[in-house]
Amino acid sequence: MATFRASYKGIGELLTAPFIKAEMERRGAKVLARAKATAPDYTPIGVGYIDDFELVVDVKESKRGTRRARARVRNKSNHALWVEMGGQNTPKHRTLGRALSEAGD
């Protein structure tokens, strides 16, 4: 019977490999496209929400020292939280939450 011994260093290298970063970017681009397609258009009143989406692909290091490639889609506008979660005079759109759910694999 064969014995398998995992190489934690090798697994760590795998989680930050170029092909993993590329896959994170591919998936993030799908979420970004969906978010832009479904975002409310507040441009006529000067808000500019749709143009403030961005995709960031990087390697995150945890407090324990583990590293993983990740992709983040975010909106850098000052009012992104209100569009996402809603407010007293703003309906809840959940643009990023829905984009993540609907982008699929």
PDB file of N, CA and C in Angstrom:
ATOM      1  N   MET A   1       0.836  -1.176   0.000  1.00  0.00           N
ATOM      2  CA  MET A   1       0.000   0.000   0.000  1.00  0.00           C
ATOM      3  C   MET A   1       0.889   1.251   0.000  1.00  0.00           C
ATOM      4  N   ALA A   2       0.562   2.208  -0.830  1.00  0.00           N
ATOM      5  CA  ALA A   2       1.339   3.432  -0.943  1.00  0.00           C
ATOM      6  C   ALA A   2       0.906   4.440   0.115  1.00  0.00           C
ATOM      7  N   THR A   3       1.829   5.282   0.508  1.00  0.00           N
ATOM      8  CA  THR A   3       1.559   6.328   1.491  1.00  0.00           C
ATOM      9  C   THR A   3       1.727   7.680   0.816  1.00  0.00           C
ATOM     10  N   PHE A   4       0.777   8.556   1.063  1.00  0.00           N
ATOM     11  CA  PHE A   4       0.845   9.903   0.506  1.00  0.00           C
ATOM     12  C   PHE A   4       1.237  10.874   1.605  1.00  0.00           C
ATOM     13  N   ARG A   5       2.235  11.670   1.343  1.00  0.00           N
ATOM     14  CA  ARG A   5       2.643  12.707   2.287  1.00  0.00           C
ATOM     15  C   ARG A   5       2.603  14.039   1.552  1.00  0.00           C
ATOM     16  N   ALA A   6       1.738  14.890   2.023  1.00  0.00           N
ATOM     17  CA  ALA A   6       1.574  16.196   1.381  1.00  0.00           C
ATOM     18  C   ALA A   6       2.777  17.086   1.663  1.00  0.00           C
ATOM     19  N   SER A   7       3.167  17.824   0.681  1.00  0.00           N
ATOM     20  CA  SER A   7       4.209  18.824   0.851  1.00  0.00           C
ATOM     21  C   SER A   7       3.502  20.169   1.030  1.00  0.00           C
ATOM     22  N   TYR A   8       3.504  20.674   2.261  1.00  0.00           N
ATOM     23  CA  TYR A   8       2.802  21.927   2.519  1.00  0.00           C
ATOM     24  C   TYR A   8       3.446  23.090   1.772  1.00  0.00           C
ATOM     25  N   LYS A   9       4.734  23.038   1.580  1.00  0.00           N
ATOM     26  CA  LYS A   9       5.414  24.064   0.791  1.00  0.00           C
ATOM     27  C   LYS A   9       4.927  23.993  -0.665  1.00  0.00           C
ATOM     28  N   GLY A  10       4.809  22.778  -1.190  1.00  0.00           N
ATOM     29  CA  GLY A  10       4.325  22.599  -2.565  1.00  0.00           C
ATOM     30  C   GLY A  10       2.889  23.054  -2.728  1.00  0.00           C
ATOM     31  N   ILE A  11       2.047  22.751  -1.749  1.00  0.00           N
ATOM     32  CA  ILE A  11       0.651  23.205  -1.804  1.00  0.00           C
ATOM     33  C   ILE A  11       0.599  24.724  -1.756  1.00  0.00           C
ATOM     34  N   GLY A  12       1.443  25.326  -0.919  1.00  0.00           N
ATOM     35  CA  GLY A  12       1.510  26.786  -0.843  1.00  0.00           C
ATOM     36  C   GLY A  12       1.933  27.402  -2.170  1.00  0.00           C
ATOM     37  N   GLU A  13       2.886  26.784  -2.834  1.00  0.00           N
ATOM     38  CA  GLU A  13       3.324  27.281  -4.147  1.00  0.00           C
ATOM     39  C   GLU A  13       2.215  27.118  -5.180  1.00  0.00           C
ATOM     40  N   LEU A  14       1.484  26.038  -5.084  1.00  0.00           N
ATOM     41  CA  LEU A  14       0.368  25.807  -6.003  1.00  0.00           C
ATOM     42  C   LEU A  14      -0.697  26.888  -5.871  1.00  0.00           C
ATOM     43  N   LEU A  15      -1.004  27.302  -4.639  1.00  0.00           N
ATOM     44  CA  LEU A  15      -2.069  28.280  -4.405  1.00  0.00           C
ATOM     45  C   LEU A  15      -1.723  29.686  -4.889  1.00  0.00           C
ATOM     46  N   THR A  16      -0.460  29.909  -5.246  1.00  0.00           N
ATOM     47  CA  THR A  16      -0.064  31.211  -5.784  1.00  0.00           C
ATOM     48  C   THR A  16       0.537  31.091  -7.183  1.00  0.00           C
ATOM     49  N   ALA A  17       0.382  29.940  -7.804  1.00  0.00           N
ATOM     50  CA  ALA A  17       0.952  29.693  -9.138  1.00  0.00           C
ATOM     51  C   ALA A  17       0.306  30.605 -10.187  1.00  0.00           C
ATOM     52  N   PRO A  18       1.028  30.903 -11.254  1.00  0.00           N
ATOM     53  CA  PRO A  18       0.495  31.774 -12.303  1.00  0.00           C
ATOM     54  C   PRO A  18      -0.835  31.293 -12.886  1.00  0.00           C
ATOM     55  N   PHE A  19      -1.011  29.986 -13.056  1.00  0.00           N
ATOM     56  CA  PHE A  19      -2.268  29.520 -13.638  1.00  0.00           C
ATOM     57  C   PHE A  19      -3.434  29.689 -12.658  1.00  0.00           C
ATOM     58  N   ILE A  20      -3.166  29.662 -11.350  1.00  0.00           N
ATOM     59  CA  ILE A  20      -4.215  29.924 -10.364  1.00  0.00           C
ATOM     60  C   ILE A  20      -4.581  31.407 -10.393  1.00  0.00           C
ATOM     61  N   LYS A  21      -3.583  32.283 -10.474  1.00  0.00           N
ATOM     62  CA  LYS A  21      -3.851  33.718 -10.581  1.00  0.00           C
ATOM     63  C   LYS A  21      -4.659  34.017 -11.845  1.00  0.00           C
ATOM     64  N   ALA A  22      -4.319  33.350 -12.941  1.00  0.00           N
ATOM     65  CA  ALA A  22      -5.046  33.554 -14.196  1.00  0.00           C
ATOM     66  C   ALA A  22      -6.506  33.121 -14.058  1.00  0.00           C
ATOM     67  N   GLU A  23      -6.732  32.018 -13.359  1.00  0.00           N
ATOM     68  CA  GLU A  23      -8.104  31.543 -13.142  1.00  0.00           C
ATOM     69  C   GLU A  23      -8.874  32.508 -12.243  1.00  0.00           C
ATOM     70  N   MET A  24      -8.231  33.028 -11.238  1.00  0.00           N
ATOM     71  CA  MET A  24      -8.884  34.025 -10.369  1.00  0.00           C
ATOM     72  C   MET A  24      -9.249  35.269 -11.174  1.00  0.00           C
ATOM     73  N   GLU A  25      -8.357  35.675 -12.069  1.00  0.00           N
ATOM     74  CA  GLU A  25      -8.638  36.835 -12.912  1.00  0.00           C
ATOM     75  C   GLU A  25      -9.804  36.552 -13.862  1.00  0.00           C
ATOM     76  N   ARG A  26      -9.849  35.349 -14.424  1.00  0.00           N
ATOM     77  CA  ARG A  26     -10.949  34.988 -15.328  1.00  0.00           C
ATOM     78  C   ARG A  26     -12.288  35.042 -14.590  1.00  0.00           C
ATOM     79  N   ARG A  27     -12.317  34.472 -13.413  1.00  0.00           N
ATOM     80  CA  ARG A  27     -13.563  34.464 -12.637  1.00  0.00           C
ATOM     81  C   ARG A  27     -13.939  35.874 -12.181  1.00  0.00           C
ATOM     82  N   GLY A  28     -12.947  36.637 -11.771  1.00  0.00           N
ATOM     83  CA  GLY A  28     -13.197  38.011 -11.347  1.00  0.00           C
ATOM     84  C   GLY A  28     -13.725  38.870 -12.484  1.00  0.00           C
ATOM     85  N   ALA A  29     -13.210  38.638 -13.694  1.00  0.00           N
ATOM     86  CA  ALA A  29     -13.674  39.397 -14.861  1.00  0.00           C
ATOM     87  C   ALA A  29     -15.147  39.113 -15.154  1.00  0.00           C
ATOM     88  N   LYS A  30     -15.585  37.870 -14.924  1.00  0.00           N
ATOM     89  CA  LYS A  30     -17.000  37.540 -15.113  1.00  0.00           C
ATOM     90  C   LYS A  30     -17.874  38.280 -14.107  1.00  0.00           C
ATOM     91  N   VAL A  31     -17.420  38.344 -12.863  1.00  0.00           N
ATOM     92  CA  VAL A  31     -18.171  39.064 -11.828  1.00  0.00           C
ATOM     93  C   VAL A  31     -18.199  40.553 -12.151  1.00  0.00           C
ATOM     94  N   LEU A  32     -17.060  41.097 -12.575  1.00  0.00           N
ATOM     95  CA  LEU A  32     -16.975  42.511 -12.937  1.00  0.00           C
ATOM     96  C   LEU A  32     -17.928  42.851 -14.075  1.00  0.00           C
ATOM     97  N   ALA A  33     -17.937  42.027 -15.110  1.00  0.00           N
ATOM     98  CA  ALA A  33     -18.826  42.271 -16.257  1.00  0.00           C
ATOM     99  C   ALA A  33     -20.285  42.220 -15.828  1.00  0.00           C
ATOM    100  N   ARG A  34     -20.625  41.266 -14.991  1.00  0.00           N
ATOM    101  CA  ARG A  34     -22.015  41.135 -14.522  1.00  0.00           C
ATOM    102  C   ARG A  34     -22.398  42.320 -13.641  1.00  0.00           C
ATOM    103  N   ALA A  35     -21.498  42.765 -12.794  1.00  0.00           N
ATOM    104  CA  ALA A  35     -21.773  43.911 -11.923  1.00  0.00           C
ATOM    105  C   ALA A  35     -22.014  45.171 -12.752  1.00  0.00           C
ATOM    106  N   LYS A  36     -21.176  45.394 -13.760  1.00  0.00           N
ATOM    107  CA  LYS A  36     -21.358  46.580 -14.614  1.00  0.00           C
ATOM    108  C   LYS A  36     -22.649  46.502 -15.409  1.00  0.00           C
ATOM    109  N   ALA A  37     -23.018  45.290 -15.836  1.00  0.00           N
ATOM    110  CA  ALA A  37     -24.228  45.125 -16.642  1.00  0.00           C
ATOM    111  C   ALA A  37     -25.503  45.339 -15.830  1.00  0.00           C
ATOM    112  N   THR A  38     -25.444  45.058 -14.542  1.00  0.00           N
ATOM    113  CA  THR A  38     -26.657  45.128 -13.722  1.00  0.00           C
ATOM    114  C   THR A  38     -26.673  46.311 -12.757  1.00  0.00           C
ATOM    115  N   ALA A  39     -25.616  47.106 -12.740  1.00  0.00           N
ATOM    116  CA  ALA A  39     -25.542  48.232 -11.807  1.00  0.00           C
ATOM    117  C   ALA A  39     -26.555  49.306 -12.184  1.00  0.00           C
ATOM    118  N   PRO A  40     -27.133  49.953 -11.177  1.00  0.00           N
ATOM    119  CA  PRO A  40     -28.036  51.063 -11.477  1.00  0.00           C
ATOM    120  C   PRO A  40     -27.249  52.218 -12.077  1.00  0.00           C
ATOM    121  N   ASP A  41     -27.823  52.885 -13.043  1.00  0.00           N
ATOM    122  CA  ASP A  41     -27.131  53.975 -13.734  1.00  0.00           C
ATOM    123  C   ASP A  41     -27.548  55.308 -13.128  1.00  0.00           C
ATOM    124  N   TYR A  42     -26.698  55.816 -12.269  1.00  0.00           N
ATOM    125  CA  TYR A  42     -26.962  57.116 -11.651  1.00  0.00           C
ATOM    126  C   TYR A  42     -26.176  58.233 -12.323  1.00  0.00           C
ATOM    127  N   THR A  43     -25.581  57.961 -13.486  1.00  0.00           N
ATOM    128  CA  THR A  43     -24.743  58.940 -14.166  1.00  0.00           C
ATOM    129  C   THR A  43     -25.457  60.255 -14.483  1.00  0.00           C
ATOM    130  N   PRO A  44     -26.734  60.261 -14.907  1.00  0.00           N
ATOM    131  CA  PRO A  44     -27.372  61.546 -15.228  1.00  0.00           C
ATOM    132  C   PRO A  44     -27.399  62.537 -14.070  1.00  0.00           C
ATOM    133  N   ILE A  45     -27.367  62.045 -12.837  1.00  0.00           N
ATOM    134  CA  ILE A  45     -27.355  62.978 -11.707  1.00  0.00           C
ATOM    135  C   ILE A  45     -25.947  63.185 -11.172  1.00  0.00           C
ATOM    136  N   GLY A  46     -24.947  62.734 -11.905  1.00  0.00           N
ATOM    137  CA  GLY A  46     -23.562  63.017 -11.576  1.00  0.00           C
ATOM    138  C   GLY A  46     -22.910  62.074 -10.579  1.00  0.00           C
ATOM    139  N   VAL A  47     -23.455  60.897 -10.380  1.00  0.00           N
ATOM    140  CA  VAL A  47     -22.913  59.989  -9.382  1.00  0.00           C
ATOM    141  C   VAL A  47     -21.771  59.147  -9.941  1.00  0.00           C
ATOM    142  N   GLY A  48     -21.891  58.606 -11.140  1.00  0.00           N
ATOM    143  CA  GLY A  48     -20.812  57.853 -11.777  1.00  0.00           C
ATOM    144  C   GLY A  48     -20.466  56.539 -11.115  1.00  0.00           C
ATOM    145  N   TYR A  49     -21.433  55.762 -10.747  1.00  0.00           N
ATOM    146  CA  TYR A  49     -21.220  54.507 -10.027  1.00  0.00           C
ATOM    147  C   TYR A  49     -20.632  53.412 -10.908  1.00  0.00           C
ATOM    148  N   ILE A  50     -21.133  53.246 -12.118  1.00  0.00           N
ATOM    149  CA  ILE A  50     -20.718  52.149 -12.995  1.00  0.00           C
ATOM    150  C   ILE A  50     -19.235  52.242 -13.358  1.00  0.00           C
ATOM    151  N   ASP A  51     -18.718  53.413 -13.545  1.00  0.00           N
ATOM    152  CA  ASP A  51     -17.320  53.582 -13.947  1.00  0.00           C
ATOM    153  C   ASP A  51     -16.325  53.347 -12.809  1.00  0.00           C
ATOM    154  N   ASP A  52     -16.804  53.182 -11.591  1.00  0.00           N
ATOM    155  CA  ASP A  52     -15.910  53.028 -10.443  1.00  0.00           C
ATOM    156  C   ASP A  52     -15.666  51.578 -10.029  1.00  0.00           C
ATOM    157  N   PHE A  53     -16.113  50.614 -10.830  1.00  0.00           N
ATOM    158  CA  PHE A  53     -15.807  49.210 -10.533  1.00  0.00           C
ATOM    159  C   PHE A  53     -14.377  48.910 -10.945  1.00  0.00           C
ATOM    160  N   GLU A  54     -13.730  48.025 -10.203  1.00  0.00           N
ATOM    161  CA  GLU A  54     -12.379  47.602 -10.565  1.00  0.00           C
ATOM    162  C   GLU A  54     -12.143  46.162 -10.120  1.00  0.00           C
ATOM    163  N   LEU A  55     -11.239  45.505 -10.819  1.00  0.00           N
ATOM    164  CA  LEU A  55     -10.837  44.130 -10.516  1.00  0.00           C
ATOM    165  C   LEU A  55      -9.392  44.167 -10.053  1.00  0.00           C
ATOM    166  N   VAL A  56      -9.144  43.584  -8.896  1.00  0.00           N
ATOM    167  CA  VAL A  56      -7.796  43.515  -8.339  1.00  0.00           C
ATOM    168  C   VAL A  56      -7.448  42.043  -8.136  1.00  0.00           C
ATOM    169  N   VAL A  57      -6.351  41.594  -8.740  1.00  0.00           N
ATOM    170  CA  VAL A  57      -5.864  40.229  -8.567  1.00  0.00           C
ATOM    171  C   VAL A  57      -4.524  40.332  -7.845  1.00  0.00           C
ATOM    172  N   ASP A  58      -4.437  39.652  -6.699  1.00  0.00           N
ATOM    173  CA  ASP A  58      -3.198  39.697  -5.929  1.00  0.00           C
ATOM    174  C   ASP A  58      -3.046  38.425  -5.110  1.00  0.00           C
ATOM    175  N   VAL A  59      -2.038  38.413  -4.270  1.00  0.00           N
ATOM    176  CA  VAL A  59      -1.798  37.291  -3.364  1.00  0.00           C
ATOM    177  C   VAL A  59      -1.983  37.820  -1.944  1.00  0.00           C
ATOM    178  N   LYS A  60      -2.864  37.177  -1.205  1.00  0.00           N
ATOM    179  CA  LYS A  60      -3.132  37.579   0.178  1.00  0.00           C
ATOM    180  C   LYS A  60      -2.375  36.656   1.119  1.00  0.00           C
ATOM    181  N   GLU A  61      -1.721  37.257   2.087  1.00  0.00           N
ATOM    182  CA  GLU A  61      -1.035  36.477   3.100  1.00  0.00           C
ATOM    183  C   GLU A  61      -1.836  36.559   4.392  1.00  0.00           C
ATOM    184  N   SER A  62      -2.147  35.408   4.965  1.00  0.00           N
ATOM    185  CA  SER A  62      -2.932  35.371   6.196  1.00  0.00           C
ATOM    186  C   SER A  62      -2.034  35.649   7.404  1.00  0.00           C
ATOM    187  N   LYS A  63      -2.668  35.797   8.544  1.00  0.00           N
ATOM    188  CA  LYS A  63      -1.916  36.011   9.785  1.00  0.00           C
ATOM    189  C   LYS A  63      -1.052  34.806  10.136  1.00  0.00           C
ATOM    190  N   ARG A  64      -1.444  33.636   9.661  1.00  0.00           N
ATOM    191  CA  ARG A  64      -0.668  32.412   9.909  1.00  0.00           C
ATOM    192  C   ARG A  64       0.463  32.236   8.908  1.00  0.00           C
ATOM    193  N   GLY A  65       0.572  33.120   7.931  1.00  0.00           N
ATOM    194  CA  GLY A  65       1.648  33.042   6.961  1.00  0.00           C
ATOM    195  C   GLY A  65       1.310  32.292   5.687  1.00  0.00           C
ATOM    196  N   THR A  66       0.071  31.788   5.559  1.00  0.00           N
ATOM    197  CA  THR A  66      -0.312  31.108   4.320  1.00  0.00           C
ATOM    198  C   THR A  66      -0.631  32.144   3.254  1.00  0.00           C
ATOM    199  N   ARG A  67      -0.347  31.808   2.010  1.00  0.00           N
ATOM    200  CA  ARG A  67      -0.554  32.727   0.893  1.00  0.00           C
ATOM    201  C   ARG A  67      -1.500  32.095  -0.111  1.00  0.00           C
ATOM    202  N   ARG A  68      -2.402  32.912  -0.663  1.00  0.00           N
ATOM    203  CA  ARG A  68      -3.356  32.436  -1.667  1.00  0.00           C
ATOM    204  C   ARG A  68      -3.609  33.531  -2.684  1.00  0.00           C
ATOM    205  N   ALA A  69      -3.729  33.116  -3.938  1.00  0.00           N
ATOM    206  CA  ALA A  69      -4.112  34.063  -4.989  1.00  0.00           C
ATOM    207  C   ALA A  69      -5.584  34.378  -4.815  1.00  0.00           C
ATOM    208  N   ARG A  70      -5.963  35.611  -5.121  1.00  0.00           N
ATOM    209  CA  ARG A  70      -7.362  36.006  -5.012  1.00  0.00           C
ATOM    210  C   ARG A  70      -7.679  37.091  -6.028  1.00  0.00           C
ATOM    211  N   ALA A  71      -8.951  37.210  -6.314  1.00  0.00           N
ATOM    212  CA  ALA A  71      -9.447  38.283  -7.166  1.00  0.00           C
ATOM    213  C   ALA A  71     -10.541  38.992  -6.388  1.00  0.00           C
ATOM    214  N   ARG A  72     -10.509  40.308  -6.406  1.00  0.00           N
ATOM    215  CA  ARG A  72     -11.535  41.093  -5.726  1.00  0.00           C
ATOM    216  C   ARG A  72     -12.143  42.072  -6.720  1.00  0.00           C
ATOM    217  N   VAL A  73     -13.450  42.099  -6.750  1.00  0.00           N
ATOM    218  CA  VAL A  73     -14.166  43.103  -7.535  1.00  0.00           C
ATOM    219  C   VAL A  73     -14.727  44.075  -6.529  1.00  0.00           C
ATOM    220  N   ARG A  74     -14.438  45.340  -6.737  1.00  0.00           N
ATOM    221  CA  ARG A  74     -14.923  46.342  -5.797  1.00  0.00           C
ATOM    222  C   ARG A  74     -15.335  47.599  -6.545  1.00  0.00           C
ATOM    223  N   ASN A  75     -16.059  48.425  -5.837  1.00  0.00           N
ATOM    224  CA  ASN A  75     -16.462  49.711  -6.390  1.00  0.00           C
ATOM    225  C   ASN A  75     -15.886  50.771  -5.471  1.00  0.00           C
ATOM    226  N   LYS A  76     -15.087  51.653  -6.031  1.00  0.00           N
ATOM    227  CA  LYS A  76     -14.368  52.628  -5.217  1.00  0.00           C
ATOM    228  C   LYS A  76     -15.101  53.958  -5.053  1.00  0.00           C
ATOM    229  N   SER A  77     -16.358  54.042  -5.480  1.00  0.00           N
ATOM    230  CA  SER A  77     -17.096  55.290  -5.303  1.00  0.00           C
ATOM    231  C   SER A  77     -17.458  55.478  -3.833  1.00  0.00           C
ATOM    232  N   ASN A  78     -17.660  56.710  -3.442  1.00  0.00           N
ATOM    233  CA  ASN A  78     -17.967  57.033  -2.051  1.00  0.00           C
ATOM    234  C   ASN A  78     -19.320  56.509  -1.600  1.00  0.00           C
ATOM    235  N   HIS A  79     -20.184  56.234  -2.514  1.00  0.00           N
ATOM    236  CA  HIS A  79     -21.545  55.819  -2.169  1.00  0.00           C
ATOM    237  C   HIS A  79     -21.823  54.344  -2.515  1.00  0.00           C
ATOM    238  N   ALA A  80     -20.777  53.569  -2.757  1.00  0.00           N
ATOM    239  CA  ALA A  80     -20.966  52.160  -3.141  1.00  0.00           C
ATOM    240  C   ALA A  80     -21.715  51.374  -2.063  1.00  0.00           C
ATOM    241  N   LEU A  81     -21.399  51.639  -0.815  1.00  0.00           N
ATOM    242  CA  LEU A  81     -22.074  50.928   0.274  1.00  0.00           C
ATOM    243  C   LEU A  81     -23.577  51.186   0.248  1.00  0.00           C
ATOM    244  N   TRP A  82     -23.973  52.420  -0.031  1.00  0.00           N
ATOM    245  CA  TRP A  82     -25.402  52.766  -0.046  1.00  0.00           C
ATOM    246  C   TRP A  82     -26.105  52.124  -1.230  1.00  0.00           C
ATOM    247  N   VAL A  83     -25.441  52.039  -2.356  1.00  0.00           N
ATOM    248  CA  VAL A  83     -26.051  51.375  -3.515  1.00  0.00           C
ATOM    249  C   VAL A  83     -26.183  49.874  -3.240  1.00  0.00           C
ATOM    250  N   GLU A  84     -25.163  49.298  -2.644  1.00  0.00           N
ATOM    251  CA  GLU A  84     -25.178  47.862  -2.362  1.00  0.00           C
ATOM    252  C   GLU A  84     -26.201  47.500  -1.278  1.00  0.00           C
ATOM    253  N   MET A  85     -26.152  48.185  -0.157  1.00  0.00           N
ATOM    254  CA  MET A  85     -26.962  47.815   1.001  1.00  0.00           C
ATOM    255  C   MET A  85     -28.248  48.634   1.171  1.00  0.00           C
ATOM    256  N   GLY A  86     -28.337  49.745   0.464  1.00  0.00           N
ATOM    257  CA  GLY A  86     -29.524  50.592   0.606  1.00  0.00           C
ATOM    258  C   GLY A  86     -29.387  51.548   1.775  1.00  0.00           C
ATOM    259  N   GLY A  87     -30.305  52.465   1.818  1.00  0.00           N
ATOM    260  CA  GLY A  87     -30.323  53.461   2.891  1.00  0.00           C
ATOM    261  C   GLY A  87     -31.732  54.001   3.034  1.00  0.00           C
ATOM    262  N   GLN A  88     -31.860  55.049   3.765  1.00  0.00           N
ATOM    263  CA  GLN A  88     -33.177  55.614   4.024  1.00  0.00           C
ATOM    264  C   GLN A  88     -33.893  56.032   2.730  1.00  0.00           C
ATOM    265  N   ASN A  89     -33.164  56.627   1.814  1.00  0.00           N
ATOM    266  CA  ASN A  89     -33.762  57.093   0.557  1.00  0.00           C
ATOM    267  C   ASN A  89     -33.216  56.355  -0.666  1.00  0.00           C
ATOM    268  N   THR A  90     -32.495  55.270  -0.441  1.00  0.00           N
ATOM    269  CA  THR A  90     -31.881  54.524  -1.536  1.00  0.00           C
ATOM    270  C   THR A  90     -32.306  53.066  -1.456  1.00  0.00           C
ATOM    271  N   PRO A  91     -32.825  52.512  -2.543  1.00  0.00           N
ATOM    272  CA  PRO A  91     -33.190  51.089  -2.506  1.00  0.00           C
ATOM    273  C   PRO A  91     -31.938  50.207  -2.459  1.00  0.00           C
ATOM    274  N   LYS A  92     -32.081  49.043  -1.884  1.00  0.00           N
ATOM    275  CA  LYS A  92     -30.982  48.071  -1.797  1.00  0.00           C
ATOM    276  C   LYS A  92     -30.849  47.364  -3.144  1.00  0.00           C
ATOM    277  N   HIS A  93     -29.691  47.546  -3.823  1.00  0.00           N
ATOM    278  CA  HIS A  93     -29.482  46.948  -5.143  1.00  0.00           C
ATOM    279  C   HIS A  93     -28.690  45.642  -5.085  1.00  0.00           C
ATOM    280  N   ARG A  94     -27.795  45.506  -4.118  1.00  0.00           N
ATOM    281  CA  ARG A  94     -26.922  44.325  -3.994  1.00  0.00           C
ATOM    282  C   ARG A  94     -26.213  43.991  -5.312  1.00  0.00           C
ATOM    283  N   THR A  95     -25.710  44.983  -5.974  1.00  0.00           N
ATOM    284  CA  THR A  95     -25.068  44.823  -7.279  1.00  0.00           C
ATOM    285  C   THR A  95     -23.929  43.806  -7.232  1.00  0.00           C
ATOM    286  N   LEU A  96     -22.994  43.984  -6.320  1.00  0.00           N
ATOM    287  CA  LEU A  96     -21.856  43.058  -6.247  1.00  0.00           C
ATOM    288  C   LEU A  96     -22.259  41.694  -5.725  1.00  0.00           C
ATOM    289  N   GLY A  97     -23.129  41.649  -4.755  1.00  0.00           N
ATOM    290  CA  GLY A  97     -23.590  40.358  -4.221  1.00  0.00           C
ATOM    291  C   GLY A  97     -24.298  39.524  -5.273  1.00  0.00           C
ATOM    292  N   ARG A  98     -25.163  40.170  -6.024  1.00  0.00           N
ATOM    293  CA  ARG A  98     -25.866  39.451  -7.095  1.00  0.00           C
ATOM    294  C   ARG A  98     -24.928  39.051  -8.214  1.00  0.00           C
ATOM    295  N   ALA A  99     -23.995  39.933  -8.559  1.00  0.00           N
ATOM    296  CA  ALA A  99     -23.032  39.617  -9.631  1.00  0.00           C
ATOM    297  C   ALA A  99     -22.218  38.396  -9.269  1.00  0.00           C
ATOM    298  N   LEU A 100     -21.811  38.297  -8.018  1.00  0.00           N
ATOM    299  CA  LEU A 100     -21.043  37.140  -7.580  1.00  0.00           C
ATOM    300  C   LEU A 100     -21.877  35.870  -7.664  1.00  0.00           C
ATOM    301  N   SER A 101     -23.129  35.950  -7.242  1.00  0.00           N
ATOM    302  CA  SER A 101     -24.021  34.777  -7.289  1.00  0.00           C
ATOM    303  C   SER A 101     -24.354  34.353  -8.717  1.00  0.00           C
ATOM    304  N   GLU A 102     -24.554  35.331  -9.593  1.00  0.00           N
ATOM    305  CA  GLU A 102     -25.010  35.048 -10.951  1.00  0.00           C
ATOM    306  C   GLU A 102     -23.881  34.729 -11.918  1.00  0.00           C
ATOM    307  N   ALA A 103     -22.648  35.082 -11.586  1.00  0.00           N
ATOM    308  CA  ALA A 103     -21.549  34.853 -12.519  1.00  0.00           C
ATOM    309  C   ALA A 103     -21.269  33.382 -12.735  1.00  0.00           C
ATOM    310  N   GLY A 104     -21.603  32.563 -11.755  1.00  0.00           N
ATOM    311  CA  GLY A 104     -21.405  31.117 -11.914  1.00  0.00           C
ATOM    312  C   GLY A 104     -19.951  30.741 -11.985  1.00  0.00           C
ATOM    313  N   ASP A 105     -19.681  29.665 -12.702  1.00  0.00           N
ATOM    314  CA  ASP A 105     -18.315  29.162 -12.769  1.00  0.00           C
ATOM    315  C   ASP A 105     -17.633  29.606 -14.011  1.00  0.00           C
TER     316      ASP A 105
END
